């Protein structure tokens, strides 16, 4: 028996379908998840992430207007388990110049019953599998560190999180070993967390999302420039 629980492969499509249905219900009211029309001649960029990334999607598009077509899945991308079940659909058939991605908050979540969504060992295993699939696409990759959770991870009796620092350390190890660029959003927002994060919540004010968007857009532009100078690793 394995020392940690793994979602059986046959259940992953079911998990992805549940997430898809939940997100489709809210996508009409969320402009960030609406599909966009590519502007010819511009590189295609894909943002993958949870609701934190949904918050910075629109300002990233604004920052990169005329420089890149910025897409994202029409969903909250959730945990690494959802990512493994859904990544093929998110990537589609098109070619991506840059993929900026994050998984972490949903993996570190501790449900009311006390069972982790992704224990650290599962998180690392899933991240390695996701990076391998993303690298096969040929895009230049950027990993975004997971942003802080307030109150030591205890937001409510039924909304608790393991240490984000622990999960970020695991992710950094995977990305360093895989040669993936890192966009340290956690470090960027941490000094202003009291000002820019909603009280008792993992989400950010408009100003907080705009700060994150500035970092995301700058990291994407840097990779686009490098992509023009040399092929993706």
C-alpha atoms as a PDB file:
ATOM      1  CA  UNK A   1       0.000   0.000   0.000  1.00  0.00           C
ATOM      2  CA  UNK A   2       1.252   3.478  -0.830  1.00  0.00           C
ATOM      3  CA  UNK A   3       2.097   5.720   2.166  1.00  0.00           C
ATOM      4  CA  UNK A   4      -0.254   8.431   0.949  1.00  0.00           C
ATOM      5  CA  UNK A   5      -3.661   8.546  -0.754  1.00  0.00           C
ATOM      6  CA  UNK A   6      -3.792   9.056  -4.509  1.00  0.00           C
ATOM      7  CA  UNK A   7      -6.951   9.796  -6.433  1.00  0.00           C
ATOM      8  CA  UNK A   8      -7.553   6.738  -8.654  1.00  0.00           C
ATOM      9  CA  UNK A   9      -7.048   7.518 -12.343  1.00  0.00           C
ATOM     10  CA  UNK A  10     -10.612   6.515 -13.178  1.00  0.00           C
ATOM     11  CA  UNK A  11     -11.920   9.156 -10.758  1.00  0.00           C
ATOM     12  CA  UNK A  12      -9.906  12.035 -12.230  1.00  0.00           C
ATOM     13  CA  UNK A  13     -12.273  12.609 -15.205  1.00  0.00           C
ATOM     14  CA  UNK A  14     -15.197  12.688 -12.741  1.00  0.00           C
ATOM     15  CA  UNK A  15     -13.364  15.243 -10.609  1.00  0.00           C
ATOM     16  CA  UNK A  16     -12.654  17.364 -13.673  1.00  0.00           C
ATOM     17  CA  UNK A  17     -16.279  17.136 -14.811  1.00  0.00           C
ATOM     18  CA  UNK A  18     -17.544  18.314 -11.418  1.00  0.00           C
ATOM     19  CA  UNK A  19     -15.175  21.288 -11.504  1.00  0.00           C
ATOM     20  CA  UNK A  20     -16.208  22.079 -15.069  1.00  0.00           C
ATOM     21  CA  UNK A  21     -19.915  22.099 -14.241  1.00  0.00           C
ATOM     22  CA  UNK A  22     -19.394  24.268 -11.157  1.00  0.00           C
ATOM     23  CA  UNK A  23     -17.298  26.744 -13.092  1.00  0.00           C
ATOM     24  CA  UNK A  24     -19.554  26.904 -16.137  1.00  0.00           C
ATOM     25  CA  UNK A  25     -22.364  27.953 -13.825  1.00  0.00           C
ATOM     26  CA  UNK A  26     -20.375  31.011 -12.766  1.00  0.00           C
ATOM     27  CA  UNK A  27     -18.369  31.747 -15.919  1.00  0.00           C
ATOM     28  CA  UNK A  28     -21.075  33.889 -17.522  1.00  0.00           C
ATOM     29  CA  UNK A  29     -20.796  36.337 -14.632  1.00  0.00           C
ATOM     30  CA  UNK A  30     -16.966  36.283 -14.614  1.00  0.00           C
ATOM     31  CA  UNK A  31     -15.443  38.231 -17.542  1.00  0.00           C
ATOM     32  CA  UNK A  32     -11.953  36.880 -16.806  1.00  0.00           C
ATOM     33  CA  UNK A  33     -13.012  33.335 -17.724  1.00  0.00           C
ATOM     34  CA  UNK A  34     -14.763  34.300 -20.969  1.00  0.00           C
ATOM     35  CA  UNK A  35     -12.977  33.156 -24.160  1.00  0.00           C
ATOM     36  CA  UNK A  36     -11.075  35.756 -26.160  1.00  0.00           C
ATOM     37  CA  UNK A  37     -10.456  36.189 -29.879  1.00  0.00           C
ATOM     38  CA  UNK A  38      -6.800  36.070 -30.865  1.00  0.00           C
ATOM     39  CA  UNK A  39      -5.277  39.136 -32.440  1.00  0.00           C
ATOM     40  CA  UNK A  40      -3.306  37.819 -35.443  1.00  0.00           C
ATOM     41  CA  UNK A  41       0.457  38.035 -35.260  1.00  0.00           C
ATOM     42  CA  UNK A  42       0.700  38.098 -31.457  1.00  0.00           C
ATOM     43  CA  UNK A  43       2.089  35.258 -29.310  1.00  0.00           C
ATOM     44  CA  UNK A  44      -0.399  33.185 -27.346  1.00  0.00           C
ATOM     45  CA  UNK A  45      -0.095  33.085 -23.554  1.00  0.00           C
ATOM     46  CA  UNK A  46      -1.983  30.777 -21.182  1.00  0.00           C
ATOM     47  CA  UNK A  47      -2.665  31.536 -17.511  1.00  0.00           C
ATOM     48  CA  UNK A  48      -3.447  28.467 -15.387  1.00  0.00           C
ATOM     49  CA  UNK A  49      -4.473  28.886 -11.767  1.00  0.00           C
ATOM     50  CA  UNK A  50      -7.174  29.137  -9.144  1.00  0.00           C
ATOM     51  CA  UNK A  51      -9.332  32.108  -8.137  1.00  0.00           C
ATOM     52  CA  UNK A  52      -6.243  34.188  -7.300  1.00  0.00           C
ATOM     53  CA  UNK A  53      -5.253  33.974 -10.970  1.00  0.00           C
ATOM     54  CA  UNK A  54      -8.802  34.803 -12.046  1.00  0.00           C
ATOM     55  CA  UNK A  55      -8.393  38.021 -10.062  1.00  0.00           C
ATOM     56  CA  UNK A  56      -5.300  39.089 -11.991  1.00  0.00           C
ATOM     57  CA  UNK A  57      -6.303  37.822 -15.454  1.00  0.00           C
ATOM     58  CA  UNK A  58      -8.008  40.985 -16.722  1.00  0.00           C
ATOM     59  CA  UNK A  59      -5.268  43.413 -15.594  1.00  0.00           C
ATOM     60  CA  UNK A  60      -2.654  41.100 -17.135  1.00  0.00           C
ATOM     61  CA  UNK A  61      -4.556  41.263 -20.435  1.00  0.00           C
ATOM     62  CA  UNK A  62      -4.616  45.032 -20.183  1.00  0.00           C
ATOM     63  CA  UNK A  63      -0.891  45.186 -19.430  1.00  0.00           C
ATOM     64  CA  UNK A  64      -0.059  42.922 -22.382  1.00  0.00           C
ATOM     65  CA  UNK A  65      -2.535  44.429 -24.864  1.00  0.00           C
ATOM     66  CA  UNK A  66      -0.899  44.599 -28.281  1.00  0.00           C
ATOM     67  CA  UNK A  67       1.913  42.326 -27.072  1.00  0.00           C
ATOM     68  CA  UNK A  68       0.228  38.953 -26.472  1.00  0.00           C
ATOM     69  CA  UNK A  69      -3.094  37.127 -26.611  1.00  0.00           C
ATOM     70  CA  UNK A  70      -3.692  36.173 -22.963  1.00  0.00           C
ATOM     71  CA  UNK A  71      -5.981  33.178 -22.470  1.00  0.00           C
ATOM     72  CA  UNK A  72      -7.050  31.173 -19.432  1.00  0.00           C
ATOM     73  CA  UNK A  73      -9.279  28.119 -18.929  1.00  0.00           C
ATOM     74  CA  UNK A  74     -12.928  28.974 -18.360  1.00  0.00           C
ATOM     75  CA  UNK A  75     -12.542  27.652 -14.836  1.00  0.00           C
ATOM     76  CA  UNK A  76     -10.995  27.865 -11.425  1.00  0.00           C
ATOM     77  CA  UNK A  77      -8.234  25.348 -12.098  1.00  0.00           C
ATOM     78  CA  UNK A  78      -8.268  24.045  -8.534  1.00  0.00           C
ATOM     79  CA  UNK A  79      -5.761  21.468  -7.305  1.00  0.00           C
ATOM     80  CA  UNK A  80      -3.018  19.478  -9.022  1.00  0.00           C
ATOM     81  CA  UNK A  81      -5.441  16.555  -9.185  1.00  0.00           C
ATOM     82  CA  UNK A  82      -7.870  18.652 -11.231  1.00  0.00           C
ATOM     83  CA  UNK A  83      -4.943  19.847 -13.337  1.00  0.00           C
ATOM     84  CA  UNK A  84      -3.902  16.300 -14.203  1.00  0.00           C
ATOM     85  CA  UNK A  85      -7.467  15.476 -15.203  1.00  0.00           C
ATOM     86  CA  UNK A  86      -8.011  18.666 -17.215  1.00  0.00           C
ATOM     87  CA  UNK A  87      -4.667  19.816 -18.618  1.00  0.00           C
ATOM     88  CA  UNK A  88      -5.118  18.265 -22.052  1.00  0.00           C
ATOM     89  CA  UNK A  89      -8.383  20.172 -22.523  1.00  0.00           C
ATOM     90  CA  UNK A  90      -6.882  23.409 -21.203  1.00  0.00           C
ATOM     91  CA  UNK A  91      -3.936  23.207 -23.602  1.00  0.00           C
ATOM     92  CA  UNK A  92      -6.150  22.418 -26.595  1.00  0.00           C
ATOM     93  CA  UNK A  93      -4.662  21.990 -30.050  1.00  0.00           C
ATOM     94  CA  UNK A  94      -3.045  25.419 -30.396  1.00  0.00           C
ATOM     95  CA  UNK A  95       0.553  26.413 -29.783  1.00  0.00           C
ATOM     96  CA  UNK A  96       1.482  28.437 -26.705  1.00  0.00           C
ATOM     97  CA  UNK A  97       4.453  30.778 -26.464  1.00  0.00           C
ATOM     98  CA  UNK A  98       4.321  31.082 -22.653  1.00  0.00           C
ATOM     99  CA  UNK A  99       2.364  29.252 -19.957  1.00  0.00           C
ATOM    100  CA  UNK A 100       2.199  30.888 -16.517  1.00  0.00           C
ATOM    101  CA  UNK A 101       0.798  28.435 -13.968  1.00  0.00           C
ATOM    102  CA  UNK A 102       0.143  27.764 -10.296  1.00  0.00           C
ATOM    103  CA  UNK A 103      -1.431  25.093  -8.110  1.00  0.00           C
ATOM    104  CA  UNK A 104      -1.256  25.258  -4.339  1.00  0.00           C
ATOM    105  CA  UNK A 105      -4.114  26.693  -2.313  1.00  0.00           C
ATOM    106  CA  UNK A 106      -6.499  23.869  -3.160  1.00  0.00           C
ATOM    107  CA  UNK A 107      -3.803  21.262  -2.591  1.00  0.00           C
ATOM    108  CA  UNK A 108      -2.973  22.645   0.863  1.00  0.00           C
ATOM    109  CA  UNK A 109      -6.642  22.839   1.864  1.00  0.00           C
ATOM    110  CA  UNK A 110      -7.753  20.791   4.872  1.00  0.00           C
ATOM    111  CA  UNK A 111     -11.473  19.908   4.558  1.00  0.00           C
ATOM    112  CA  UNK A 112     -13.711  19.633   7.651  1.00  0.00           C
ATOM    113  CA  UNK A 113     -13.175  15.877   7.839  1.00  0.00           C
ATOM    114  CA  UNK A 114      -9.437  16.447   8.216  1.00  0.00           C
ATOM    115  CA  UNK A 115      -8.362  14.738   4.992  1.00  0.00           C
ATOM    116  CA  UNK A 116      -5.892  16.697   2.890  1.00  0.00           C
ATOM    117  CA  UNK A 117      -6.657  17.381  -0.755  1.00  0.00           C
ATOM    118  CA  UNK A 118      -2.999  16.700  -1.594  1.00  0.00           C
ATOM    119  CA  UNK A 119      -0.502  15.723   1.095  1.00  0.00           C
ATOM    120  CA  UNK A 120       3.003  17.080   0.378  1.00  0.00           C
ATOM    121  CA  UNK A 121       4.236  13.868  -1.263  1.00  0.00           C
ATOM    122  CA  UNK A 122       1.201  13.742  -3.562  1.00  0.00           C
ATOM    123  CA  UNK A 123       1.591  17.432  -4.371  1.00  0.00           C
ATOM    124  CA  UNK A 124       5.198  16.920  -5.448  1.00  0.00           C
ATOM    125  CA  UNK A 125       4.334  13.834  -7.510  1.00  0.00           C
ATOM    126  CA  UNK A 126       1.469  15.627  -9.259  1.00  0.00           C
ATOM    127  CA  UNK A 127       3.540  18.753  -9.928  1.00  0.00           C
ATOM    128  CA  UNK A 128       6.274  16.704 -11.583  1.00  0.00           C
ATOM    129  CA  UNK A 129       3.714  15.020 -13.826  1.00  0.00           C
ATOM    130  CA  UNK A 130       2.145  18.386 -14.737  1.00  0.00           C
ATOM    131  CA  UNK A 131       5.503  19.984 -15.537  1.00  0.00           C
ATOM    132  CA  UNK A 132       6.390  17.040 -17.773  1.00  0.00           C
ATOM    133  CA  UNK A 133       3.143  17.462 -19.720  1.00  0.00           C
ATOM    134  CA  UNK A 134       3.550  21.224 -19.961  1.00  0.00           C
ATOM    135  CA  UNK A 135       7.128  20.942 -21.197  1.00  0.00           C
ATOM    136  CA  UNK A 136       5.936  18.598 -23.929  1.00  0.00           C
ATOM    137  CA  UNK A 137       3.865  21.489 -25.289  1.00  0.00           C
ATOM    138  CA  UNK A 138       7.053  23.411 -26.120  1.00  0.00           C
ATOM    139  CA  UNK A 139       5.986  26.636 -24.381  1.00  0.00           C
ATOM    140  CA  UNK A 140       8.248  28.641 -22.114  1.00  0.00           C
ATOM    141  CA  UNK A 141       7.006  27.919 -18.579  1.00  0.00           C
ATOM    142  CA  UNK A 142       6.645  30.183 -15.552  1.00  0.00           C
ATOM    143  CA  UNK A 143       5.657  28.850 -12.146  1.00  0.00           C
ATOM    144  CA  UNK A 144       3.911  31.285  -9.772  1.00  0.00           C
ATOM    145  CA  UNK A 145       4.407  30.749  -6.057  1.00  0.00           C
ATOM    146  CA  UNK A 146       1.252  30.412  -3.988  1.00  0.00           C
ATOM    147  CA  UNK A 147       0.167  33.561  -2.178  1.00  0.00           C
ATOM    148  CA  UNK A 148      -0.210  33.695   1.634  1.00  0.00           C
ATOM    149  CA  UNK A 149      -3.136  32.456   3.701  1.00  0.00           C
ATOM    150  CA  UNK A 150      -3.923  34.696   6.709  1.00  0.00           C
ATOM    151  CA  UNK A 151      -4.441  33.684  10.344  1.00  0.00           C
ATOM    152  CA  UNK A 152      -1.931  30.859  10.201  1.00  0.00           C
ATOM    153  CA  UNK A 153      -4.103  29.018   7.695  1.00  0.00           C
ATOM    154  CA  UNK A 154      -7.177  28.877   9.964  1.00  0.00           C
ATOM    155  CA  UNK A 155      -9.940  30.893   8.304  1.00  0.00           C
ATOM    156  CA  UNK A 156     -12.889  28.989   9.796  1.00  0.00           C
ATOM    157  CA  UNK A 157     -13.531  25.592  11.394  1.00  0.00           C
ATOM    158  CA  UNK A 158     -14.377  24.236   7.943  1.00  0.00           C
ATOM    159  CA  UNK A 159     -11.774  26.268   6.008  1.00  0.00           C
ATOM    160  CA  UNK A 160      -8.238  25.407   7.030  1.00  0.00           C
ATOM    161  CA  UNK A 161      -4.947  25.192   5.167  1.00  0.00           C
ATOM    162  CA  UNK A 162      -1.607  23.510   5.704  1.00  0.00           C
ATOM    163  CA  UNK A 163       1.534  25.671   5.524  1.00  0.00           C
ATOM    164  CA  UNK A 164       1.751  27.533   2.208  1.00  0.00           C
ATOM    165  CA  UNK A 165       5.488  27.958   2.829  1.00  0.00           C
ATOM    166  CA  UNK A 166       5.858  24.172   2.924  1.00  0.00           C
ATOM    167  CA  UNK A 167       4.023  23.759  -0.373  1.00  0.00           C
ATOM    168  CA  UNK A 168       5.978  26.586  -1.989  1.00  0.00           C
ATOM    169  CA  UNK A 169       9.248  24.948  -0.926  1.00  0.00           C
ATOM    170  CA  UNK A 170       8.155  21.713  -2.604  1.00  0.00           C
ATOM    171  CA  UNK A 171       7.143  23.568  -5.759  1.00  0.00           C
ATOM    172  CA  UNK A 172      10.419  25.530  -5.872  1.00  0.00           C
ATOM    173  CA  UNK A 173      12.389  22.298  -5.653  1.00  0.00           C
ATOM    174  CA  UNK A 174      10.416  20.789  -8.540  1.00  0.00           C
ATOM    175  CA  UNK A 175      10.735  23.910 -10.701  1.00  0.00           C
ATOM    176  CA  UNK A 176      14.456  24.357 -10.026  1.00  0.00           C
ATOM    177  CA  UNK A 177      15.127  20.731 -10.910  1.00  0.00           C
ATOM    178  CA  UNK A 178      12.967  21.051 -14.041  1.00  0.00           C
ATOM    179  CA  UNK A 179      14.468  24.350 -15.242  1.00  0.00           C
ATOM    180  CA  UNK A 180      11.170  26.250 -14.921  1.00  0.00           C
ATOM    181  CA  UNK A 181      11.255  30.015 -14.310  1.00  0.00           C
ATOM    182  CA  UNK A 182       9.698  31.179 -11.031  1.00  0.00           C
ATOM    183  CA  UNK A 183       7.476  34.219 -10.535  1.00  0.00           C
ATOM    184  CA  UNK A 184       7.529  34.756  -6.763  1.00  0.00           C
ATOM    185  CA  UNK A 185       4.073  36.245  -6.245  1.00  0.00           C
ATOM    186  CA  UNK A 186       4.165  35.288  -2.573  1.00  0.00           C
ATOM    187  CA  UNK A 187       7.225  37.449  -1.936  1.00  0.00           C
ATOM    188  CA  UNK A 188       5.768  40.287  -4.009  1.00  0.00           C
ATOM    189  CA  UNK A 189       2.531  40.544  -2.038  1.00  0.00           C
ATOM    190  CA  UNK A 190       3.692  39.478   1.451  1.00  0.00           C
ATOM    191  CA  UNK A 191       5.018  42.890   2.597  1.00  0.00           C
ATOM    192  CA  UNK A 192       1.636  44.490   1.850  1.00  0.00           C
ATOM    193  CA  UNK A 193      -0.619  41.633   2.894  1.00  0.00           C
ATOM    194  CA  UNK A 194      -2.413  43.607   5.634  1.00  0.00           C
ATOM    195  CA  UNK A 195      -3.197  46.351   3.138  1.00  0.00           C
ATOM    196  CA  UNK A 196      -4.064  44.349   0.032  1.00  0.00           C
ATOM    197  CA  UNK A 197      -5.556  41.022   1.173  1.00  0.00           C
ATOM    198  CA  UNK A 198      -9.236  40.778   2.098  1.00  0.00           C
ATOM    199  CA  UNK A 199      -9.659  40.273   5.837  1.00  0.00           C
ATOM    200  CA  UNK A 200      -9.905  36.632   6.865  1.00  0.00           C
ATOM    201  CA  UNK A 201      -9.701  35.527   3.236  1.00  0.00           C
ATOM    202  CA  UNK A 202      -7.129  34.274   0.717  1.00  0.00           C
ATOM    203  CA  UNK A 203      -8.326  36.721  -1.953  1.00  0.00           C
ATOM    204  CA  UNK A 204      -7.144  40.236  -2.680  1.00  0.00           C
ATOM    205  CA  UNK A 205      -8.572  43.678  -3.219  1.00  0.00           C
ATOM    206  CA  UNK A 206      -8.581  45.189  -6.700  1.00  0.00           C
ATOM    207  CA  UNK A 207      -5.294  46.888  -5.852  1.00  0.00           C
ATOM    208  CA  UNK A 208      -3.826  43.591  -4.673  1.00  0.00           C
ATOM    209  CA  UNK A 209      -4.800  41.797  -7.876  1.00  0.00           C
ATOM    210  CA  UNK A 210      -3.321  44.663  -9.886  1.00  0.00           C
ATOM    211  CA  UNK A 211      -0.027  44.365  -8.004  1.00  0.00           C
ATOM    212  CA  UNK A 212       0.069  40.628  -8.763  1.00  0.00           C
ATOM    213  CA  UNK A 213      -0.872  41.318 -12.392  1.00  0.00           C
ATOM    214  CA  UNK A 214       2.081  43.670 -12.775  1.00  0.00           C
ATOM    215  CA  UNK A 215       4.452  40.931 -11.660  1.00  0.00           C
ATOM    216  CA  UNK A 216       2.763  38.327 -13.853  1.00  0.00           C
ATOM    217  CA  UNK A 217       2.834  40.552 -16.943  1.00  0.00           C
ATOM    218  CA  UNK A 218       6.514  41.431 -16.382  1.00  0.00           C
ATOM    219  CA  UNK A 219       7.490  37.769 -16.022  1.00  0.00           C
ATOM    220  CA  UNK A 220       5.602  36.868 -19.203  1.00  0.00           C
ATOM    221  CA  UNK A 221       7.212  39.708 -21.167  1.00  0.00           C
ATOM    222  CA  UNK A 222      10.642  38.541 -20.021  1.00  0.00           C
ATOM    223  CA  UNK A 223       9.973  35.019 -21.290  1.00  0.00           C
ATOM    224  CA  UNK A 224       8.560  36.315 -24.566  1.00  0.00           C
ATOM    225  CA  UNK A 225      11.785  38.273 -25.123  1.00  0.00           C
ATOM    226  CA  UNK A 226      13.885  35.217 -24.315  1.00  0.00           C
ATOM    227  CA  UNK A 227      11.744  33.153 -26.649  1.00  0.00           C
ATOM    228  CA  UNK A 228      12.613  35.542 -29.477  1.00  0.00           C
ATOM    229  CA  UNK A 229      16.289  35.206 -28.669  1.00  0.00           C
ATOM    230  CA  UNK A 230      16.383  31.426 -28.269  1.00  0.00           C
ATOM    231  CA  UNK A 231      13.963  28.460 -28.420  1.00  0.00           C
ATOM    232  CA  UNK A 232      12.191  27.248 -25.291  1.00  0.00           C
ATOM    233  CA  UNK A 233      14.060  24.881 -23.063  1.00  0.00           C
END
